[in-house]
Amino acid sequence: MPVISPLGWFHTALGIVALFSGGVALFKYKEITLQTRPSQVYLAATLVTASTALAIFQQGAFGPGHILAVATLAALAVGTVAATTKLFGNLSRHVRAIGFTATLLFHCIPAVTDGLLRLPVGDPVITTIEDPLLGICYAILLLLFIVGMSLQLRWIGGQRHQYR
């Protein structure tokens, strides 16, 4: 693995802040919104983390990490539009939830990849991106996202019916 640059350290530290604050927002409020402090920290940290990812070129060219950064920025934009306009009508809260929560998945993919490729220092769990363990980890992340997103959307649907 290449040495981490100062920008890489900043990106990683802010990514950890984002993951922590996003987890707090989901556990405490069951959704990421523009109104709660943990969500605001999460969204700001995610915006900066995704933006800085576009300037990191470990492989020397545009790669999978950059694609995830673009997907993250797009999901943030869709979630923000859903949160601040009526473009999606009655589905706005659902669209916002999917957009903002999807960014957590997009954070976890490179976090797991880099974590397994770098840790423990000197004897990492995996030594190549082709390691089958990485595919298993991605499948688990996707399953957790699908289950978590389903629960979140169900909860949001129940909230809507409460106020009728």
Foldseek 3Di string as FASTA:
>chain_A
DDDQDPLSVVLVVLLVLLLVLQVCCCVVVVAQACPDPSNVSNLVSLLVSLVSQCVDDPPPDDDPLVVLSVLLVVLSVQLVCLRPDCVVPPCSVLSNRCSSLVNSLSSVLVVVVCQQCCPPHPDHVDPDPPDVVSVVVNVVSVVVSVVSSVVSVVVVVVVVVVVD
